[in-house]
Amino acid sequence: MALDTGDTAFIIICTALVMLMTPGVGLFYGGMVRKKNLISMIALSFIAFAIVSIQWVLLGYSLSFGTDICGFIGGLDHIGLRGVGLDGEGIPDLLFMAFQLVFAGVTLAILTSGIAERIKFSSFIVLGLLWTTLVYDPLAHWSWGGGWAHSLGALDFAGGTVVHISSGFGALALALVIGNRMDYGKYSMEAENITTTLLGGALLWFGWFAFNAGSALSANGTAVNALVTTNISASAGAITWMAASWLKGKPSSLGMISGAIAGLVAITPGCGFVSPMSAIFIGGFAGLLCYGALLFRVRRGLDESLDAWAIHGMGGLWGAIATGIFASAAIGGVDGLIYGNANQFFIQILDASVAVAYAFGMTYLLAKLVDKVMGLRVTEEEEYVGLDISQHGESTTA
């Protein structure tokens, strides 16, 4: 098929918008930490995008989309972008590579939730390279590069398992390895700059349209359905999280935007397969589920600081399963459980379960390795001073 200029223009725009989600994560997270660590959180997102960009063109793209090896990983046929040029079906292969690159970048940024306010910057760079290569790339191959999940018929339109389960459960593993922040549970560590978090959340909601609609890889009806279901699910999540938290106090803006992100996460794997009406339920339930997961995490005294596990991990898990329930052949060519296809439901459960186990287990092992070799955590003095000064020599104060 010849290149389509309309599709090419569409994916160029989507690629740029998805890139904006990575600094959006930095702002979203940065507003929820103490002032002395604001620069650090934003810097982690920027360096995540930079190191993934180089890793992806040298090795990551080939591991994800190269010739399948035993259903687990891609080969090295595209190493250094060999054979990835300006030809392709619909859009240039090089553009497809770039679109997938920005997905990998934002995923590593999400992972920083589990190590906020206590990670050595140098250790994060090493961990990020290892994690992208050994966690993200295999999962991308499984779902999108011809791996075992793809062959089995698992549905993941835009990254429920690849992006959200991997980063959410990976963040949980990192939090367990690195330990709680100093004085966690003794003093208040509430979000210090809600305005910054709301700005980051707005950028994420905005970029998510390109994240999901662009995954159709064409300016067509599937992309339109993905865009509409994305917005509906986000809105439903914002409302249900707000309502649930309102019962415990006041309807906070942080709760509303967190619920919206939960809805966005949950609809990601199914946005091209489910109807707008189904998206209301998927997003609405995600808001309640992820809020409940946050409360559970707090009760357990676990400092997975910015709740990537509660929102991305649990939201992505629910979204993957919900795709197997609500998928409609009239929209995406495959029916789910409510349309009589129980097999798809069980495939989704299997795919999500393996992704959870692999992402958590491999991240835990990598974190232990880096901790043993170079140490993950800053010293108590550096943590007390704040990572802005101790890791970057900068401060938000004049």
Protein backbone atom coordinates (compact mmCIF):
# COMPACT_ATOMS: atom_id res chain seq x y z
CA MET A 1 0.00 0.00 0.00
CA ALA A 2 1.30 3.44 -0.93
CA LEU A 3 2.02 6.09 1.66
CA ASP A 4 -1.03 8.13 2.66
CA THR A 5 -0.24 11.80 3.20
CA GLY A 6 -3.29 12.35 5.41
CA ASP A 7 -2.44 9.43 7.69
CA THR A 8 1.19 10.50 7.77
CA ALA A 9 0.28 14.04 8.81
CA PHE A 10 -2.08 12.68 11.45
CA ILE A 11 0.54 10.44 13.05
CA ILE A 12 3.20 13.18 12.95
CA ILE A 13 0.84 15.37 14.98
CA CYS A 14 -0.04 12.51 17.34
CA THR A 15 3.64 11.74 17.91
CA ALA A 16 4.32 15.34 18.93
CA LEU A 17 1.31 15.40 21.27
CA VAL A 18 2.24 12.12 22.97
CA MET A 19 5.76 13.47 23.53
CA LEU A 20 4.16 16.33 25.47
CA MET A 21 2.72 13.77 27.89
CA THR A 22 6.18 13.01 29.30
CA PRO A 23 6.79 16.51 30.71
CA GLY A 24 3.10 16.38 31.61
CA VAL A 25 3.89 13.42 33.88
CA GLY A 26 6.73 15.46 35.38
CA LEU A 27 4.41 18.35 36.20
CA PHE A 28 1.67 16.01 37.45
CA TYR A 29 4.09 14.28 39.80
CA GLY A 30 6.07 17.41 40.63
CA GLY A 31 3.08 19.16 42.12
CA MET A 32 2.48 16.25 44.49
CA VAL A 33 5.92 16.23 46.11
CA ARG A 34 7.47 18.66 48.57
CA LYS A 35 8.84 21.90 47.19
CA LYS A 36 12.45 20.78 47.68
CA ASN A 37 11.90 17.94 45.18
CA LEU A 38 9.81 19.63 42.48
CA ILE A 39 12.71 20.15 40.05
CA SER A 40 13.87 16.59 40.65
CA MET A 41 10.54 15.04 39.65
CA ILE A 42 10.30 17.07 36.46
CA ALA A 43 13.94 16.33 35.63
CA LEU A 44 13.32 12.58 36.00
CA SER A 45 10.66 12.77 33.29
CA PHE A 46 12.90 14.74 30.95
CA ILE A 47 15.86 12.39 31.38
CA ALA A 48 13.52 9.41 30.99
CA PHE A 49 12.51 10.67 27.55
CA ALA A 50 16.09 11.43 26.56
CA ILE A 51 17.58 8.07 27.51
CA VAL A 52 14.67 6.11 26.03
CA SER A 53 15.00 8.05 22.75
CA ILE A 54 18.60 6.87 22.34
CA GLN A 55 17.93 3.35 23.61
CA TRP A 56 14.95 2.99 21.28
CA VAL A 57 16.76 3.89 18.06
CA LEU A 58 19.84 1.84 18.93
CA LEU A 59 18.17 -1.29 20.28
CA GLY A 60 14.69 -0.96 21.74
CA TYR A 61 12.71 -0.70 18.52
CA SER A 62 14.35 -3.85 17.17
CA LEU A 63 13.73 -5.78 20.40
CA SER A 64 10.08 -4.72 20.28
CA PHE A 65 9.31 -5.00 16.57
CA GLY A 66 12.07 -7.14 15.13
CA THR A 67 11.59 -10.71 13.89
CA ASP A 68 9.91 -12.76 16.62
CA ILE A 69 12.10 -15.02 18.75
CA CYS A 70 10.11 -17.70 20.62
CA GLY A 71 7.19 -15.32 21.18
CA PHE A 72 9.21 -13.42 23.79
CA ILE A 73 11.40 -10.80 22.12
CA GLY A 74 12.23 -9.32 18.74
CA GLY A 75 15.48 -9.97 16.93
CA LEU A 76 18.27 -7.55 16.10
CA ASP A 77 17.32 -7.07 12.45
CA HIS A 78 16.41 -3.39 13.09
CA ILE A 79 19.32 -2.55 15.40
CA GLY A 80 20.41 1.04 14.83
CA LEU A 81 17.23 1.47 12.75
CA ARG A 82 18.58 -0.80 10.04
CA GLY A 83 15.90 -1.27 7.41
CA VAL A 84 13.65 1.38 8.97
CA GLY A 85 13.18 4.01 6.30
CA LEU A 86 10.70 6.32 4.65
CA ASP A 87 8.71 3.58 2.96
CA GLY A 88 5.85 1.73 4.58
CA GLU A 89 2.17 0.86 4.45
CA GLY A 90 0.11 3.98 4.98
CA ILE A 91 2.77 5.78 7.00
CA PRO A 92 6.58 5.63 6.78
CA ASP A 93 8.26 2.96 8.89
CA LEU A 94 10.43 5.67 10.42
CA LEU A 95 7.33 7.52 11.60
CA PHE A 96 5.89 4.36 13.16
CA MET A 97 9.18 3.96 14.99
CA ALA A 98 8.96 7.53 16.30
CA PHE A 99 5.34 7.10 17.39
CA GLN A 100 6.29 4.00 19.37
CA LEU A 101 9.32 5.81 20.83
CA VAL A 102 7.19 8.42 22.58
CA PHE A 103 5.11 5.64 24.15
CA ALA A 104 8.23 4.09 25.62
CA GLY A 105 9.38 7.46 26.93
CA VAL A 106 6.20 8.29 28.82
CA THR A 107 6.09 4.79 30.31
CA LEU A 108 9.47 5.20 31.98
CA ALA A 109 8.38 8.61 33.29
CA ILE A 110 5.31 7.04 34.94
CA LEU A 111 7.59 4.55 36.70
CA THR A 112 9.23 7.36 38.71
CA SER A 113 6.21 7.43 41.03
CA GLY A 114 7.65 4.58 43.11
CA ILE A 115 10.99 6.29 43.80
CA ALA A 116 9.94 9.92 44.23
CA GLU A 117 12.00 12.12 46.55
CA ARG A 118 14.65 9.47 47.30
CA ILE A 119 16.30 8.13 44.11
CA LYS A 120 19.89 8.84 43.11
CA PHE A 121 19.81 10.47 39.70
CA SER A 122 22.70 8.37 38.38
CA SER A 123 21.05 5.18 39.59
CA PHE A 124 17.81 6.10 37.86
CA ILE A 125 19.59 6.50 34.53
CA VAL A 126 21.08 3.01 34.78
CA LEU A 127 17.83 1.51 36.06
CA GLY A 128 15.86 3.25 33.32
CA LEU A 129 18.03 1.81 30.57
CA LEU A 130 17.80 -1.69 32.03
CA TRP A 131 14.06 -1.44 32.67
CA THR A 132 13.20 -0.19 29.19
CA THR A 133 15.29 -2.95 27.61
CA LEU A 134 14.23 -5.86 29.81
CA VAL A 135 10.68 -4.94 30.83
CA TYR A 136 9.09 -2.52 28.38
CA ASP A 137 10.58 -3.92 25.17
CA PRO A 138 9.51 -7.54 25.79
CA LEU A 139 5.98 -6.45 26.75
CA ALA A 140 5.74 -4.29 23.62
CA HIS A 141 6.82 -7.27 21.54
CA TRP A 142 4.30 -9.59 23.20
CA SER A 143 1.35 -7.34 22.39
CA TRP A 144 2.32 -5.38 19.28
CA GLY A 145 5.39 -6.99 17.72
CA GLY A 146 4.10 -10.47 16.97
CA GLY A 147 4.84 -12.07 20.35
CA TRP A 148 2.88 -14.72 22.20
CA ALA A 149 0.07 -12.40 23.39
CA HIS A 150 -0.48 -11.06 19.89
CA SER A 151 -0.54 -14.60 18.49
CA LEU A 152 -3.02 -15.64 21.16
CA GLY A 153 -5.36 -12.83 20.14
CA ALA A 154 -4.98 -10.57 23.19
CA LEU A 155 -6.31 -7.06 22.63
CA ASP A 156 -4.32 -3.99 23.70
CA PHE A 157 -5.18 -1.11 21.44
CA ALA A 158 -2.92 1.54 22.94
CA GLY A 159 -1.01 0.13 25.90
CA GLY A 160 -3.03 -1.21 28.83
CA THR A 161 -0.50 -3.94 29.50
CA VAL A 162 2.49 -2.49 27.66
CA VAL A 163 2.39 0.97 29.22
CA HIS A 164 0.20 0.96 32.31
CA ILE A 165 0.50 -2.49 33.87
CA SER A 166 4.26 -2.41 33.27
CA SER A 167 4.82 1.01 34.85
CA GLY A 168 2.21 0.64 37.61
CA PHE A 169 3.31 -2.71 38.94
CA GLY A 170 6.92 -1.79 38.22
CA ALA A 171 6.52 1.27 40.46
CA LEU A 172 5.13 -0.96 43.21
CA ALA A 173 8.20 -3.20 42.98
CA LEU A 174 10.54 -0.21 43.10
CA ALA A 175 8.80 1.18 46.17
CA LEU A 176 9.25 -2.12 47.98
CA VAL A 177 12.96 -2.22 47.16
CA ILE A 178 13.85 1.41 47.88
CA GLY A 179 11.70 1.72 51.01
CA ASN A 180 9.53 4.51 52.39
CA ARG A 181 10.62 8.12 52.48
CA MET A 182 12.09 9.49 55.70
CA ASP A 183 9.34 10.35 58.19
CA TYR A 184 6.66 8.83 55.96
CA GLY A 185 3.58 8.36 58.10
CA LYS A 186 4.90 10.73 60.78
CA TYR A 187 4.46 14.04 59.01
CA SER A 188 2.12 15.27 56.31
CA MET A 189 3.37 14.67 52.78
CA GLU A 190 0.34 16.00 50.95
CA ALA A 191 0.64 17.53 47.50
CA GLU A 192 2.33 20.92 47.85
CA ASN A 193 1.50 22.55 44.50
CA ILE A 194 -1.90 21.40 43.26
CA THR A 195 -1.81 23.97 40.46
CA THR A 196 1.25 22.30 38.91
CA THR A 197 -0.41 18.88 39.23
CA LEU A 198 -3.59 20.12 37.56
CA LEU A 199 -1.56 21.60 34.70
CA GLY A 200 0.25 18.29 34.25
CA GLY A 201 -3.06 16.43 34.37
CA ALA A 202 -4.51 18.72 31.71
CA LEU A 203 -1.53 18.02 29.43
CA LEU A 204 -2.00 14.29 29.98
CA TRP A 205 -5.72 14.40 29.17
CA PHE A 206 -4.97 16.47 26.07
CA GLY A 207 -2.15 14.21 24.92
CA TRP A 208 -4.15 11.07 25.59
CA PHE A 209 -6.37 11.83 22.60
CA ALA A 210 -3.30 11.38 20.39
CA PHE A 211 -2.07 8.46 22.50
CA ASN A 212 -5.24 6.47 21.86
CA ALA A 213 -6.60 7.81 18.57
CA GLY A 214 -3.13 7.74 17.01
CA SER A 215 -2.85 4.04 17.80
CA ALA A 216 -5.26 3.42 14.94
CA LEU A 217 -2.29 4.49 12.77
CA SER A 218 -4.74 6.05 10.36
CA ALA A 219 -7.16 8.98 10.29
CA ASN A 220 -10.24 6.77 10.19
CA GLY A 221 -13.36 5.76 12.08
CA THR A 222 -11.44 3.64 14.56
CA ALA A 223 -9.40 6.69 15.54
CA VAL A 224 -12.61 8.68 16.03
CA ASN A 225 -14.06 5.96 18.25
CA ALA A 226 -10.85 5.89 20.28
CA LEU A 227 -10.94 9.66 20.75
CA VAL A 228 -14.59 9.68 21.87
CA THR A 229 -14.31 6.72 24.25
CA THR A 230 -11.14 8.23 25.71
CA ASN A 231 -12.89 11.45 26.70
CA ILE A 232 -15.99 9.71 28.01
CA SER A 233 -14.02 7.30 30.17
CA ALA A 234 -11.88 10.09 31.61
CA SER A 235 -14.97 12.12 32.48
CA ALA A 236 -16.69 9.16 34.12
CA GLY A 237 -13.57 8.41 36.16
CA ALA A 238 -13.30 12.01 37.33
CA ILE A 239 -16.91 11.99 38.50
CA THR A 240 -16.83 8.67 40.37
CA TRP A 241 -13.51 9.34 42.14
CA MET A 242 -14.79 12.79 43.11
CA ALA A 243 -18.05 11.32 44.42
CA ALA A 244 -16.32 8.60 46.41
CA SER A 245 -13.80 11.00 47.97
CA TRP A 246 -16.56 13.54 48.66
CA LEU A 247 -18.08 11.04 51.09
CA LYS A 248 -14.87 11.31 53.14
CA GLY A 249 -14.54 15.09 53.03
CA LYS A 250 -14.57 17.70 50.27
CA PRO A 251 -14.52 17.17 46.48
CA SER A 252 -10.84 17.91 45.90
CA SER A 253 -9.43 18.96 42.55
CA LEU A 254 -6.64 16.39 43.01
CA GLY A 255 -9.27 13.66 43.34
CA MET A 256 -11.02 14.82 40.18
CA ILE A 257 -7.89 14.83 38.03
CA SER A 258 -6.71 11.53 39.54
CA GLY A 259 -10.07 9.99 38.62
CA ALA A 260 -9.75 11.35 35.10
CA ILE A 261 -6.31 9.75 34.74
CA ALA A 262 -7.73 6.47 36.07
CA GLY A 263 -10.44 6.60 33.41
CA LEU A 264 -7.88 7.37 30.72
CA VAL A 265 -5.73 4.44 31.79
CA ALA A 266 -8.64 2.01 31.90
CA ILE A 267 -9.95 2.83 28.43
CA THR A 268 -6.52 2.67 26.78
CA PRO A 269 -6.49 -1.06 25.89
CA GLY A 270 -10.08 -1.06 24.65
CA CYS A 271 -10.65 2.40 23.15
CA GLY A 272 -10.68 1.02 19.61
CA PHE A 273 -12.82 -2.00 20.51
CA VAL A 274 -15.62 -0.75 22.79
CA SER A 275 -18.58 1.59 22.38
CA PRO A 276 -18.94 5.05 23.93
CA MET A 277 -21.65 3.70 26.26
CA SER A 278 -19.34 0.95 27.49
CA ALA A 279 -16.68 3.61 28.09
CA ILE A 280 -18.90 5.22 30.73
CA PHE A 281 -18.89 2.04 32.80
CA ILE A 282 -15.21 1.29 32.19
CA GLY A 283 -14.11 4.76 33.28
CA GLY A 284 -16.62 5.05 36.10
CA PHE A 285 -15.60 1.76 37.66
CA ALA A 286 -11.93 2.66 37.20
CA GLY A 287 -12.42 5.79 39.30
CA LEU A 288 -13.85 3.75 42.18
CA LEU A 289 -11.35 0.90 41.85
CA CYS A 290 -8.27 3.12 41.70
CA TYR A 291 -9.46 5.27 44.58
CA GLY A 292 -10.00 2.12 46.61
CA ALA A 293 -6.51 0.91 45.68
CA LEU A 294 -5.05 4.21 46.87
CA LEU A 295 -6.82 3.88 50.23
CA PHE A 296 -5.58 0.29 50.52
CA ARG A 297 -2.01 1.40 49.81
CA VAL A 298 -2.22 4.08 52.48
CA ARG A 299 -3.66 1.67 55.06
CA ARG A 300 -0.80 -0.72 54.39
CA GLY A 301 1.73 2.03 55.03
CA LEU A 302 3.36 1.55 51.62
CA ASP A 303 5.03 4.61 50.16
CA GLU A 304 4.43 4.08 46.46
CA SER A 305 4.50 7.80 46.59
CA LEU A 306 2.44 9.13 43.68
CA ASP A 307 0.16 6.14 43.13
CA ALA A 308 1.24 4.80 39.78
CA TRP A 309 0.30 1.35 41.10
CA ALA A 310 -3.18 2.42 42.23
CA ILE A 311 -3.95 4.37 39.04
CA HIS A 312 -1.85 2.93 36.22
CA GLY A 313 -1.34 -0.58 37.57
CA MET A 314 -4.85 -1.33 38.81
CA GLY A 315 -6.47 0.85 36.15
CA GLY A 316 -4.50 -0.91 33.42
CA LEU A 317 -5.39 -4.33 34.85
CA TRP A 318 -9.08 -3.45 34.94
CA GLY A 319 -8.91 -1.96 31.45
CA ALA A 320 -7.35 -5.10 29.98
CA ILE A 321 -10.04 -7.29 31.54
CA ALA A 322 -12.82 -4.83 30.65
CA THR A 323 -11.74 -5.00 27.01
CA GLY A 324 -12.46 -8.72 27.12
CA ILE A 325 -15.91 -7.97 28.53
CA PHE A 326 -17.09 -5.05 26.39
CA ALA A 327 -15.28 -5.47 23.04
CA SER A 328 -17.70 -5.32 20.12
CA ALA A 329 -17.10 -6.81 16.69
CA ALA A 330 -19.18 -3.99 15.22
CA ILE A 331 -16.50 -1.55 16.34
CA GLY A 332 -13.18 -3.36 16.45
CA GLY A 333 -13.84 -6.71 14.79
CA VAL A 334 -13.79 -8.80 17.98
CA ASP A 335 -16.59 -9.56 20.43
CA GLY A 336 -16.12 -9.77 24.19
CA LEU A 337 -17.92 -11.58 26.97
CA ILE A 338 -21.19 -9.65 26.87
CA TYR A 339 -21.51 -10.46 23.16
CA GLY A 340 -21.01 -14.17 23.75
CA ASN A 341 -17.24 -14.54 23.30
CA ALA A 342 -16.03 -15.83 26.67
CA ASN A 343 -12.77 -16.98 25.08
CA GLN A 344 -11.66 -13.38 24.56
CA PHE A 345 -12.38 -12.62 28.20
CA PHE A 346 -10.11 -15.43 29.38
CA ILE A 347 -7.39 -14.45 26.91
CA GLN A 348 -7.40 -10.94 28.37
CA ILE A 349 -7.13 -12.28 31.92
CA LEU A 350 -4.20 -14.48 30.95
CA ASP A 351 -2.41 -11.67 29.12
CA ALA A 352 -2.89 -9.20 31.97
CA SER A 353 -1.85 -11.73 34.63
CA VAL A 354 1.39 -12.62 32.87
CA ALA A 355 2.14 -8.92 32.31
CA VAL A 356 1.59 -8.17 36.01
CA ALA A 357 3.85 -11.01 37.14
CA TYR A 358 6.60 -10.23 34.65
CA ALA A 359 6.61 -6.45 35.17
CA PHE A 360 6.62 -6.74 38.96
CA GLY A 361 9.12 -9.60 39.17
CA MET A 362 11.62 -8.29 36.64
CA THR A 363 11.48 -4.74 38.01
CA TYR A 364 12.09 -6.04 41.52
CA LEU A 365 15.14 -7.99 40.35
CA LEU A 366 16.55 -5.05 38.39
CA ALA A 367 16.06 -2.69 41.32
CA LYS A 368 17.83 -5.12 43.64
CA LEU A 369 20.69 -5.40 41.15
CA VAL A 370 21.18 -1.66 40.78
CA ASP A 371 20.86 -1.17 44.52
CA LYS A 372 23.55 -3.76 45.17
CA VAL A 373 25.96 -2.41 42.56
CA MET A 374 25.61 1.37 42.97
CA GLY A 375 22.87 2.05 45.48
CA LEU A 376 19.39 3.26 44.58
CA ARG A 377 18.81 5.72 47.35
CA VAL A 378 20.34 9.05 48.31
CA THR A 379 21.80 9.49 51.79
CA GLU A 380 19.60 10.63 54.69
CA GLU A 381 21.27 14.05 54.58
CA GLU A 382 20.62 14.41 50.84
CA GLU A 383 17.02 13.35 51.28
CA TYR A 384 16.57 15.83 54.12
CA VAL A 385 18.01 18.70 52.06
CA GLY A 386 15.97 17.67 49.03
CA LEU A 387 16.87 16.22 45.67
CA ASP A 388 16.65 19.55 43.86
CA ILE A 389 19.79 20.73 45.62
CA SER A 390 21.51 17.44 46.42
CA GLN A 391 21.12 15.90 42.94
CA HIS A 392 20.86 18.94 40.65
CA GLY A 393 22.31 21.88 42.56
CA GLU A 394 19.15 23.88 41.85
CA SER A 395 16.27 25.28 43.84
CA THR A 396 12.82 26.74 43.18
CA THR A 397 13.54 29.51 45.71
CA ALA A 398 15.10 32.76 44.55
